[in-house]
Amino acid sequence: MGIIPHGTEKPMGAKVLIIEDNVSNLELMTYLLTAFGHWVSKAETGRAGLEAAQSDSFDVVLCDIHLPDINGDEIARQLKASARWRSAPLIAVTALAMLGDRERLLAAGFDGYISKPIDPEGFVPQVEKFAKRLPSLPKQAVMTPDQEPPPADVSQGTVMVLDDSQQARYFLRFVLEPSGYRVEEATTIAEAISLGRKVAPRLMISDMNLTNEDGEQFLAQVKQDQQLRDIPVILITSSDKPSQQKIERVKEAGAKAFLIRPFAPEDVLRAVESALSENG
């Protein structure tokens, strides 16, 4: 099944700038907004975000508070000091939940905030409210001419996702479920092994950099398990430049694919379909 990525058409919705250094959060927010017809520009540092905001116009800016170079408060101060952004909506996207945080953010120049972890069902309506856009409907994925979507009552089987990032799990669920896959989630290796034995998934996807654990450990345990060893495994990493030695090592250990963030939804689907076709 081939899917043309959302956002390739002429933008009809809001123009949104996202300033966010966490790849999982960035992927999820981008996917949700583009799926509803909005146009997204991304910046992974504060400086890059300021440059983008000063060189183009946007309906709304979403800004993380804790960035590697400039914190969100300083970005708000600089943007609100300019005539262009004085009345434009600047929204903090933050996990802060301490008493007084809301007041501090508003005092810094933000017009509002959206809490982390991102709520996939409520996120787009929140952004549209700030951007003063009418609620939109999700766009249908455009299928390539020689492919047809699976019938609504036909399941492609179960995919198990192992990741301790809620945003990363959300992203994979939102990519896979519309294509007919049932998604089961786990946050630790022990939980994933137990769940895998229970639900017998067609395929497993695991993050490499789990908290206090490692995707390679998970792969090794799967391949040593009598019940699970024939299930294809895809590994994901957020490392910018994993060594060729590491890539070869995980593939030799039995991984069907090794995806490097950031990636688009069609990259995930392509890797899943390839792994399943190779596995028969």
C-alpha atoms as a PDB file:
ATOM      1  CA  MET A   1       0.000   0.000   0.000  1.00  0.00           C
ATOM      2  CA  GLY A   2       1.488   3.349  -0.992  1.00  0.00           C
ATOM      3  CA  ILE A   3       0.418   6.575   0.678  1.00  0.00           C
ATOM      4  CA  ILE A   4       1.204  10.056  -0.545  1.00  0.00           C
ATOM      5  CA  PRO A   5       2.226  12.039   2.564  1.00  0.00           C
ATOM      6  CA  HIS A   6      -0.141  14.634   3.943  1.00  0.00           C
ATOM      7  CA  GLY A   7       0.937  18.198   3.341  1.00  0.00           C
ATOM      8  CA  THR A   8       2.021  17.714  -0.284  1.00  0.00           C
ATOM      9  CA  GLU A   9      -1.065  19.549  -1.540  1.00  0.00           C
ATOM     10  CA  LYS A  10      -1.453  23.330  -1.555  1.00  0.00           C
ATOM     11  CA  PRO A  11      -2.003  24.352   2.088  1.00  0.00           C
ATOM     12  CA  MET A  12      -5.619  25.278   2.853  1.00  0.00           C
ATOM     13  CA  GLY A  13      -5.508  25.314   6.649  1.00  0.00           C
ATOM     14  CA  ALA A  14      -3.448  27.222   9.163  1.00  0.00           C
ATOM     15  CA  LYS A  15       0.283  27.861   8.803  1.00  0.00           C
ATOM     16  CA  VAL A  16       1.870  26.546  11.990  1.00  0.00           C
ATOM     17  CA  LEU A  17       5.464  26.870  13.184  1.00  0.00           C
ATOM     18  CA  ILE A  18       6.534  24.229  15.719  1.00  0.00           C
ATOM     19  CA  ILE A  19       9.670  24.886  17.788  1.00  0.00           C
ATOM     20  CA  GLU A  20      10.438  21.577  19.521  1.00  0.00           C
ATOM     21  CA  ASP A  21      13.635  19.573  20.073  1.00  0.00           C
ATOM     22  CA  ASN A  22      11.989  16.288  21.115  1.00  0.00           C
ATOM     23  CA  VAL A  23      11.674  14.249  17.936  1.00  0.00           C
ATOM     24  CA  SER A  24       8.754  12.133  19.164  1.00  0.00           C
ATOM     25  CA  ASN A  25       6.728  15.203  20.117  1.00  0.00           C
ATOM     26  CA  LEU A  26       7.627  16.904  16.835  1.00  0.00           C
ATOM     27  CA  GLU A  27       6.586  13.872  14.757  1.00  0.00           C
ATOM     28  CA  LEU A  28       3.267  13.519  16.557  1.00  0.00           C
ATOM     29  CA  MET A  29       2.298  17.206  16.369  1.00  0.00           C
ATOM     30  CA  THR A  30       3.315  17.419  12.704  1.00  0.00           C
ATOM     31  CA  TYR A  31       1.396  14.291  11.770  1.00  0.00           C
ATOM     32  CA  LEU A  32      -1.772  15.385  13.559  1.00  0.00           C
ATOM     33  CA  LEU A  33      -1.769  18.891  12.080  1.00  0.00           C
ATOM     34  CA  THR A  34      -0.999  17.816   8.509  1.00  0.00           C
ATOM     35  CA  ALA A  35      -3.617  15.064   8.748  1.00  0.00           C
ATOM     36  CA  PHE A  36      -6.187  17.820   9.323  1.00  0.00           C
ATOM     37  CA  GLY A  37      -5.024  19.903   6.376  1.00  0.00           C
ATOM     38  CA  HIS A  38      -2.709  22.350   8.119  1.00  0.00           C
ATOM     39  CA  TRP A  39       0.740  23.374   6.893  1.00  0.00           C
ATOM     40  CA  VAL A  40       3.659  22.855   9.295  1.00  0.00           C
ATOM     41  CA  SER A  41       7.149  24.327   9.462  1.00  0.00           C
ATOM     42  CA  LYS A  42       9.524  22.780  12.004  1.00  0.00           C
ATOM     43  CA  ALA A  43      12.484  24.057  14.030  1.00  0.00           C
ATOM     44  CA  GLU A  44      14.435  21.935  16.515  1.00  0.00           C
ATOM     45  CA  THR A  45      16.296  24.793  18.258  1.00  0.00           C
ATOM     46  CA  GLY A  46      15.274  28.150  19.599  1.00  0.00           C
ATOM     47  CA  ARG A  47      17.540  30.048  17.205  1.00  0.00           C
ATOM     48  CA  ALA A  48      16.140  28.199  14.194  1.00  0.00           C
ATOM     49  CA  GLY A  49      12.629  28.938  15.436  1.00  0.00           C
ATOM     50  CA  LEU A  50      13.328  32.654  15.802  1.00  0.00           C
ATOM     51  CA  GLU A  51      14.823  32.785  12.307  1.00  0.00           C
ATOM     52  CA  ALA A  52      11.791  31.013  10.828  1.00  0.00           C
ATOM     53  CA  ALA A  53       9.337  33.277  12.650  1.00  0.00           C
ATOM     54  CA  GLN A  54      11.175  36.417  11.548  1.00  0.00           C
ATOM     55  CA  SER A  55      11.435  35.351   7.899  1.00  0.00           C
ATOM     56  CA  ASP A  56       7.869  34.165   7.307  1.00  0.00           C
ATOM     57  CA  SER A  57       4.346  34.689   8.629  1.00  0.00           C
ATOM     58  CA  PHE A  58       2.416  32.042  10.543  1.00  0.00           C
ATOM     59  CA  ASP A  59      -1.107  31.779  11.941  1.00  0.00           C
ATOM     60  CA  VAL A  60       0.245  30.352  15.192  1.00  0.00           C
ATOM     61  CA  VAL A  61       3.583  29.356  16.750  1.00  0.00           C
ATOM     62  CA  LEU A  62       3.849  26.351  19.069  1.00  0.00           C
ATOM     63  CA  CYS A  63       6.949  26.525  21.252  1.00  0.00           C
ATOM     64  CA  ASP A  64       8.509  24.093  23.699  1.00  0.00           C
ATOM     65  CA  ILE A  65       9.766  25.702  26.917  1.00  0.00           C
ATOM     66  CA  HIS A  66      12.928  23.659  27.456  1.00  0.00           C
ATOM     67  CA  LEU A  67      15.077  23.929  24.318  1.00  0.00           C
ATOM     68  CA  PRO A  68      18.802  23.154  24.035  1.00  0.00           C
ATOM     69  CA  ASP A  69      19.924  26.719  23.266  1.00  0.00           C
ATOM     70  CA  ILE A  70      17.278  29.352  24.066  1.00  0.00           C
ATOM     71  CA  ASN A  71      14.453  28.712  26.508  1.00  0.00           C
ATOM     72  CA  GLY A  72      10.853  29.354  25.572  1.00  0.00           C
ATOM     73  CA  ASP A  73      10.551  32.429  27.804  1.00  0.00           C
ATOM     74  CA  GLU A  74      13.322  34.194  25.871  1.00  0.00           C
ATOM     75  CA  ILE A  75      11.777  33.226  22.520  1.00  0.00           C
ATOM     76  CA  ALA A  76       8.461  34.705  23.666  1.00  0.00           C
ATOM     77  CA  ARG A  77      10.176  37.898  24.819  1.00  0.00           C
ATOM     78  CA  GLN A  78      11.990  38.382  21.498  1.00  0.00           C
ATOM     79  CA  LEU A  79       8.970  37.602  19.321  1.00  0.00           C
ATOM     80  CA  LYS A  80       6.576  39.792  21.274  1.00  0.00           C
ATOM     81  CA  ALA A  81       9.057  42.664  21.043  1.00  0.00           C
ATOM     82  CA  SER A  82       8.516  42.758  17.264  1.00  0.00           C
ATOM     83  CA  ALA A  83       5.526  44.458  15.652  1.00  0.00           C
ATOM     84  CA  ARG A  84       4.828  41.363  13.510  1.00  0.00           C
ATOM     85  CA  TRP A  85       4.287  39.063  16.474  1.00  0.00           C
ATOM     86  CA  ARG A  86       2.851  41.452  19.045  1.00  0.00           C
ATOM     87  CA  SER A  87      -0.717  40.349  18.378  1.00  0.00           C
ATOM     88  CA  ALA A  88      -0.069  36.924  16.823  1.00  0.00           C
ATOM     89  CA  PRO A  89      -0.778  33.781  18.900  1.00  0.00           C
ATOM     90  CA  LEU A  90       2.290  32.242  20.555  1.00  0.00           C
ATOM     91  CA  ILE A  91       1.495  29.010  22.399  1.00  0.00           C
ATOM     92  CA  ALA A  92       3.689  27.201  24.918  1.00  0.00           C
ATOM     93  CA  VAL A  93       3.682  23.413  24.655  1.00  0.00           C
ATOM     94  CA  THR A  94       4.891  22.238  28.032  1.00  0.00           C
ATOM     95  CA  ALA A  95       4.793  19.543  30.690  1.00  0.00           C
ATOM     96  CA  LEU A  96       5.045  22.199  33.421  1.00  0.00           C
ATOM     97  CA  ALA A  97       2.222  21.798  35.904  1.00  0.00           C
ATOM     98  CA  MET A  98       3.417  23.683  38.970  1.00  0.00           C
ATOM     99  CA  LEU A  99       1.354  26.358  40.671  1.00  0.00           C
ATOM    100  CA  GLY A 100       2.056  29.671  38.990  1.00  0.00           C
ATOM    101  CA  ASP A 101       3.439  28.222  35.740  1.00  0.00           C
ATOM    102  CA  ARG A 102       0.440  29.427  33.721  1.00  0.00           C
ATOM    103  CA  GLU A 103       0.797  32.953  35.044  1.00  0.00           C
ATOM    104  CA  ARG A 104       4.564  32.960  34.424  1.00  0.00           C
ATOM    105  CA  LEU A 105       4.118  31.813  30.811  1.00  0.00           C
ATOM    106  CA  LEU A 106       1.479  34.466  30.125  1.00  0.00           C
ATOM    107  CA  ALA A 107       3.686  37.104  31.730  1.00  0.00           C
ATOM    108  CA  ALA A 108       6.575  36.016  29.483  1.00  0.00           C
ATOM    109  CA  GLY A 109       4.475  36.767  26.401  1.00  0.00           C
ATOM    110  CA  PHE A 110       2.721  33.487  25.594  1.00  0.00           C
ATOM    111  CA  ASP A 111      -0.945  33.743  24.678  1.00  0.00           C
ATOM    112  CA  GLY A 112      -1.775  30.301  26.030  1.00  0.00           C
ATOM    113  CA  TYR A 113      -0.390  26.828  26.527  1.00  0.00           C
ATOM    114  CA  ILE A 114      -1.030  23.212  25.585  1.00  0.00           C
ATOM    115  CA  SER A 115      -0.055  20.539  28.091  1.00  0.00           C
ATOM    116  CA  LYS A 116       2.221  17.562  27.457  1.00  0.00           C
ATOM    117  CA  PRO A 117       1.822  14.705  26.898  1.00  0.00           C
ATOM    118  CA  ILE A 118      -0.054  15.646  23.751  1.00  0.00           C
ATOM    119  CA  ASP A 119      -3.671  14.478  23.647  1.00  0.00           C
ATOM    120  CA  PRO A 120      -4.149  13.349  20.020  1.00  0.00           C
ATOM    121  CA  GLU A 121      -7.921  13.875  20.111  1.00  0.00           C
ATOM    122  CA  GLY A 122      -7.815  17.353  21.623  1.00  0.00           C
ATOM    123  CA  PHE A 123      -4.590  18.759  20.163  1.00  0.00           C
ATOM    124  CA  VAL A 124      -5.780  19.935  16.727  1.00  0.00           C
ATOM    125  CA  PRO A 125      -8.949  21.638  18.043  1.00  0.00           C
ATOM    126  CA  GLN A 126      -6.799  23.492  20.583  1.00  0.00           C
ATOM    127  CA  VAL A 127      -4.432  24.746  17.878  1.00  0.00           C
ATOM    128  CA  GLU A 128      -7.326  25.704  15.600  1.00  0.00           C
ATOM    129  CA  LYS A 129      -8.900  27.701  18.421  1.00  0.00           C
ATOM    130  CA  PHE A 130      -5.704  29.689  18.940  1.00  0.00           C
ATOM    131  CA  ALA A 131      -5.249  30.113  15.185  1.00  0.00           C
ATOM    132  CA  LYS A 132      -8.885  31.259  14.907  1.00  0.00           C
ATOM    133  CA  ARG A 133      -9.628  28.598  12.306  1.00  0.00           C
ATOM    134  CA  LEU A 134     -12.889  26.729  11.955  1.00  0.00           C
ATOM    135  CA  PRO A 135     -12.707  23.082  13.075  1.00  0.00           C
ATOM    136  CA  SER A 136     -11.501  20.934  10.203  1.00  0.00           C
ATOM    137  CA  LEU A 137     -12.032  17.329   9.203  1.00  0.00           C
ATOM    138  CA  PRO A 138      -9.175  14.848   8.808  1.00  0.00           C
ATOM    139  CA  LYS A 139      -7.953  14.491   5.239  1.00  0.00           C
ATOM    140  CA  GLN A 140      -8.148  11.098   3.617  1.00  0.00           C
ATOM    141  CA  ALA A 141      -4.826   9.534   2.724  1.00  0.00           C
ATOM    142  CA  VAL A 142      -4.353   9.549  -1.046  1.00  0.00           C
ATOM    143  CA  MET A 143      -3.658   6.064  -2.340  1.00  0.00           C
ATOM    144  CA  THR A 144      -1.410   5.415  -5.280  1.00  0.00           C
ATOM    145  CA  PRO A 145      -3.387   4.419  -8.424  1.00  0.00           C
ATOM    146  CA  ASP A 146      -2.409   0.759  -8.328  1.00  0.00           C
ATOM    147  CA  GLN A 147      -3.253   0.271  -4.668  1.00  0.00           C
ATOM    148  CA  GLU A 148      -6.490   0.137  -2.748  1.00  0.00           C
ATOM    149  CA  PRO A 149      -7.030   0.646   0.989  1.00  0.00           C
ATOM    150  CA  PRO A 150      -8.002  -2.471   2.963  1.00  0.00           C
ATOM    151  CA  PRO A 151     -11.753  -2.943   3.465  1.00  0.00           C
ATOM    152  CA  ALA A 152     -12.897  -1.497   6.769  1.00  0.00           C
ATOM    153  CA  ASP A 153     -13.790  -4.941   8.137  1.00  0.00           C
ATOM    154  CA  VAL A 154     -10.460  -6.568   7.183  1.00  0.00           C
ATOM    155  CA  SER A 155      -7.631  -6.481   9.714  1.00  0.00           C
ATOM    156  CA  GLN A 156      -3.990  -6.489   8.678  1.00  0.00           C
ATOM    157  CA  GLY A 157      -3.127  -8.179  11.960  1.00  0.00           C
ATOM    158  CA  THR A 158      -1.515  -7.008  15.187  1.00  0.00           C
ATOM    159  CA  VAL A 159       1.632  -4.912  15.532  1.00  0.00           C
ATOM    160  CA  MET A 160       3.183  -4.600  18.974  1.00  0.00           C
ATOM    161  CA  VAL A 161       4.976  -1.326  19.773  1.00  0.00           C
ATOM    162  CA  LEU A 162       7.598  -1.167  22.525  1.00  0.00           C
ATOM    163  CA  ASP A 163       8.488   2.406  23.493  1.00  0.00           C
ATOM    164  CA  ASP A 164       8.552   4.274  26.817  1.00  0.00           C
ATOM    165  CA  SER A 165       7.634   7.540  25.079  1.00  0.00           C
ATOM    166  CA  GLN A 166       3.883   8.068  25.018  1.00  0.00           C
ATOM    167  CA  GLN A 167       4.197  10.480  22.088  1.00  0.00           C
ATOM    168  CA  ALA A 168       6.149   7.927  20.042  1.00  0.00           C
ATOM    169  CA  ARG A 169       3.534   5.267  20.720  1.00  0.00           C
ATOM    170  CA  TYR A 170       0.738   7.666  19.755  1.00  0.00           C
ATOM    171  CA  PHE A 171       2.486   8.486  16.492  1.00  0.00           C
ATOM    172  CA  LEU A 172       2.890   4.836  15.482  1.00  0.00           C
ATOM    173  CA  ARG A 173      -0.696   4.039  16.483  1.00  0.00           C
ATOM    174  CA  PHE A 174      -2.040   6.923  14.399  1.00  0.00           C
ATOM    175  CA  VAL A 175       0.040   5.774  11.416  1.00  0.00           C
ATOM    176  CA  LEU A 176      -0.749   2.063  11.619  1.00  0.00           C
ATOM    177  CA  GLU A 177      -4.391   1.855  12.671  1.00  0.00           C
ATOM    178  CA  PRO A 178      -5.854   3.687   9.625  1.00  0.00           C
ATOM    179  CA  SER A 179      -4.074   1.110   7.438  1.00  0.00           C
ATOM    180  CA  GLY A 180      -5.860  -1.770   9.155  1.00  0.00           C
ATOM    181  CA  TYR A 181      -3.317  -2.796  11.796  1.00  0.00           C
ATOM    182  CA  ARG A 182      -4.288  -3.415  15.382  1.00  0.00           C
ATOM    183  CA  VAL A 183      -1.706  -1.868  17.726  1.00  0.00           C
ATOM    184  CA  GLU A 184      -0.728  -3.214  21.147  1.00  0.00           C
ATOM    185  CA  GLU A 185       1.620  -1.163  23.346  1.00  0.00           C
ATOM    186  CA  ALA A 186       4.331  -1.986  25.872  1.00  0.00           C
ATOM    187  CA  THR A 187       6.745   0.255  27.777  1.00  0.00           C
ATOM    188  CA  THR A 188       9.330  -2.273  29.060  1.00  0.00           C
ATOM    189  CA  ILE A 189      11.031  -5.334  27.615  1.00  0.00           C
ATOM    190  CA  ALA A 190       9.437  -7.653  30.182  1.00  0.00           C
ATOM    191  CA  GLU A 191       5.996  -6.275  29.383  1.00  0.00           C
ATOM    192  CA  ALA A 192       6.626  -6.596  25.641  1.00  0.00           C
ATOM    193  CA  ILE A 193       7.769 -10.222  25.874  1.00  0.00           C
ATOM    194  CA  SER A 194       4.757 -11.152  28.020  1.00  0.00           C
ATOM    195  CA  LEU A 195       2.346  -9.280  25.746  1.00  0.00           C
ATOM    196  CA  GLY A 196       3.935 -10.779  22.634  1.00  0.00           C
ATOM    197  CA  ARG A 197       3.360 -14.292  23.905  1.00  0.00           C
ATOM    198  CA  LYS A 198      -0.240 -13.407  24.695  1.00  0.00           C
ATOM    199  CA  VAL A 199      -1.331 -11.640  21.491  1.00  0.00           C
ATOM    200  CA  ALA A 200       1.045 -13.284  18.956  1.00  0.00           C
ATOM    201  CA  PRO A 201       1.589 -10.138  16.823  1.00  0.00           C
ATOM    202  CA  ARG A 202       2.539 -10.321  13.150  1.00  0.00           C
ATOM    203  CA  LEU A 203       5.313  -7.801  13.782  1.00  0.00           C
ATOM    204  CA  MET A 204       7.072  -5.955  16.620  1.00  0.00           C
ATOM    205  CA  ILE A 205       8.472  -2.404  16.607  1.00  0.00           C
ATOM    206  CA  SER A 206      10.864  -1.298  19.350  1.00  0.00           C
ATOM    207  CA  ASP A 207      12.699   1.894  20.204  1.00  0.00           C
ATOM    208  CA  MET A 208      16.447   1.409  20.627  1.00  0.00           C
ATOM    209  CA  ASN A 209      16.881   3.858  23.505  1.00  0.00           C
ATOM    210  CA  LEU A 210      14.539   2.717  26.242  1.00  0.00           C
ATOM    211  CA  THR A 211      14.969   4.030  29.785  1.00  0.00           C
ATOM    212  CA  ASN A 212      17.504   1.743  31.488  1.00  0.00           C
ATOM    213  CA  GLU A 213      17.002  -0.797  28.674  1.00  0.00           C
ATOM    214  CA  ASP A 214      18.074  -1.270  25.082  1.00  0.00           C
ATOM    215  CA  GLY A 215      16.296  -2.299  21.900  1.00  0.00           C
ATOM    216  CA  GLU A 216      19.097  -4.714  21.088  1.00  0.00           C
ATOM    217  CA  GLN A 217      18.389  -6.520  24.370  1.00  0.00           C
ATOM    218  CA  PHE A 218      14.757  -6.823  23.339  1.00  0.00           C
ATOM    219  CA  LEU A 219      15.708  -8.159  19.903  1.00  0.00           C
ATOM    220  CA  ALA A 220      18.004 -10.750  21.482  1.00  0.00           C
ATOM    221  CA  GLN A 221      15.280 -11.928  23.869  1.00  0.00           C
ATOM    222  CA  VAL A 222      12.747 -12.210  21.040  1.00  0.00           C
ATOM    223  CA  LYS A 223      15.101 -14.302  18.919  1.00  0.00           C
ATOM    224  CA  GLN A 224      15.865 -16.592  21.868  1.00  0.00           C
ATOM    225  CA  ASP A 225      12.188 -17.123  22.681  1.00  0.00           C
ATOM    226  CA  GLN A 226      10.703 -20.271  21.183  1.00  0.00           C
ATOM    227  CA  GLN A 227       7.292 -18.672  20.784  1.00  0.00           C
ATOM    228  CA  LEU A 228       8.406 -15.285  19.421  1.00  0.00           C
ATOM    229  CA  ARG A 229      11.574 -15.861  17.425  1.00  0.00           C
ATOM    230  CA  ASP A 230       9.885 -15.982  14.012  1.00  0.00           C
ATOM    231  CA  ILE A 231       8.087 -12.644  14.477  1.00  0.00           C
ATOM    232  CA  PRO A 232       9.804  -9.869  12.463  1.00  0.00           C
ATOM    233  CA  VAL A 233      11.227  -6.972  14.495  1.00  0.00           C
ATOM    234  CA  ILE A 234      11.793  -3.350  13.396  1.00  0.00           C
ATOM    235  CA  LEU A 235      14.070  -1.158  15.512  1.00  0.00           C
ATOM    236  CA  ILE A 236      13.860   2.640  15.732  1.00  0.00           C
ATOM    237  CA  THR A 237      16.526   5.076  16.890  1.00  0.00           C
ATOM    238  CA  SER A 238      16.607   8.822  17.483  1.00  0.00           C
ATOM    239  CA  SER A 239      20.388   8.972  17.077  1.00  0.00           C
ATOM    240  CA  ASP A 240      21.399  11.422  14.372  1.00  0.00           C
ATOM    241  CA  LYS A 241      24.141   9.260  12.908  1.00  0.00           C
ATOM    242  CA  PRO A 242      24.220   5.664  14.139  1.00  0.00           C
ATOM    243  CA  SER A 243      27.395   3.948  13.053  1.00  0.00           C
ATOM    244  CA  GLN A 244      27.314   1.588  10.105  1.00  0.00           C
ATOM    245  CA  GLN A 245      28.672  -1.039  12.479  1.00  0.00           C
ATOM    246  CA  LYS A 246      25.627  -0.622  14.713  1.00  0.00           C
ATOM    247  CA  ILE A 247      23.230  -0.840  11.776  1.00  0.00           C
ATOM    248  CA  GLU A 248      24.902  -4.008  10.497  1.00  0.00           C
ATOM    249  CA  ARG A 249      24.996  -5.481  14.001  1.00  0.00           C
ATOM    250  CA  VAL A 250      21.239  -5.178  14.616  1.00  0.00           C
ATOM    251  CA  LYS A 251      20.421  -6.511  11.152  1.00  0.00           C
ATOM    252  CA  GLU A 252      22.722  -9.490  11.664  1.00  0.00           C
ATOM    253  CA  ALA A 253      20.976 -10.067  14.993  1.00  0.00           C
ATOM    254  CA  GLY A 254      17.692 -10.413  13.137  1.00  0.00           C
ATOM    255  CA  ALA A 255      16.119  -6.946  12.821  1.00  0.00           C
ATOM    256  CA  LYS A 256      14.137  -6.614   9.589  1.00  0.00           C
ATOM    257  CA  ALA A 257      14.602  -2.839   9.414  1.00  0.00           C
ATOM    258  CA  PHE A 258      16.343  -0.028  11.278  1.00  0.00           C
ATOM    259  CA  LEU A 259      14.483   3.301  11.095  1.00  0.00           C
ATOM    260  CA  ILE A 260      16.154   6.580  12.043  1.00  0.00           C
ATOM    261  CA  ARG A 261      14.077   9.494  13.333  1.00  0.00           C
ATOM    262  CA  PRO A 262      12.724  11.805  12.116  1.00  0.00           C
ATOM    263  CA  PHE A 263      10.741   9.860   9.537  1.00  0.00           C
ATOM    264  CA  ALA A 264       7.439  10.258   7.714  1.00  0.00           C
ATOM    265  CA  PRO A 265       4.372   8.013   8.125  1.00  0.00           C
ATOM    266  CA  GLU A 266       4.947   6.406   4.728  1.00  0.00           C
ATOM    267  CA  ASP A 267       8.462   5.349   5.849  1.00  0.00           C
ATOM    268  CA  VAL A 268       6.917   3.374   8.709  1.00  0.00           C
ATOM    269  CA  LEU A 269       4.285   1.755   6.500  1.00  0.00           C
ATOM    270  CA  ARG A 270       6.862   0.879   3.864  1.00  0.00           C
ATOM    271  CA  ALA A 271       9.107  -0.803   6.451  1.00  0.00           C
ATOM    272  CA  VAL A 272       6.205  -2.709   8.009  1.00  0.00           C
ATOM    273  CA  GLU A 273       4.914  -3.974   4.668  1.00  0.00           C
ATOM    274  CA  SER A 274       8.402  -4.972   3.551  1.00  0.00           C
ATOM    275  CA  ALA A 275       9.099  -6.866   6.790  1.00  0.00           C
ATOM    276  CA  LEU A 276       5.784  -8.712   6.595  1.00  0.00           C
ATOM    277  CA  SER A 277       6.205  -9.623   2.935  1.00  0.00           C
ATOM    278  CA  GLU A 278       9.704 -11.005   3.597  1.00  0.00           C
ATOM    279  CA  ASN A 279       8.303 -13.026   6.458  1.00  0.00           C
ATOM    280  CA  GLY A 280       5.674 -14.566   4.237  1.00  0.00           C
END
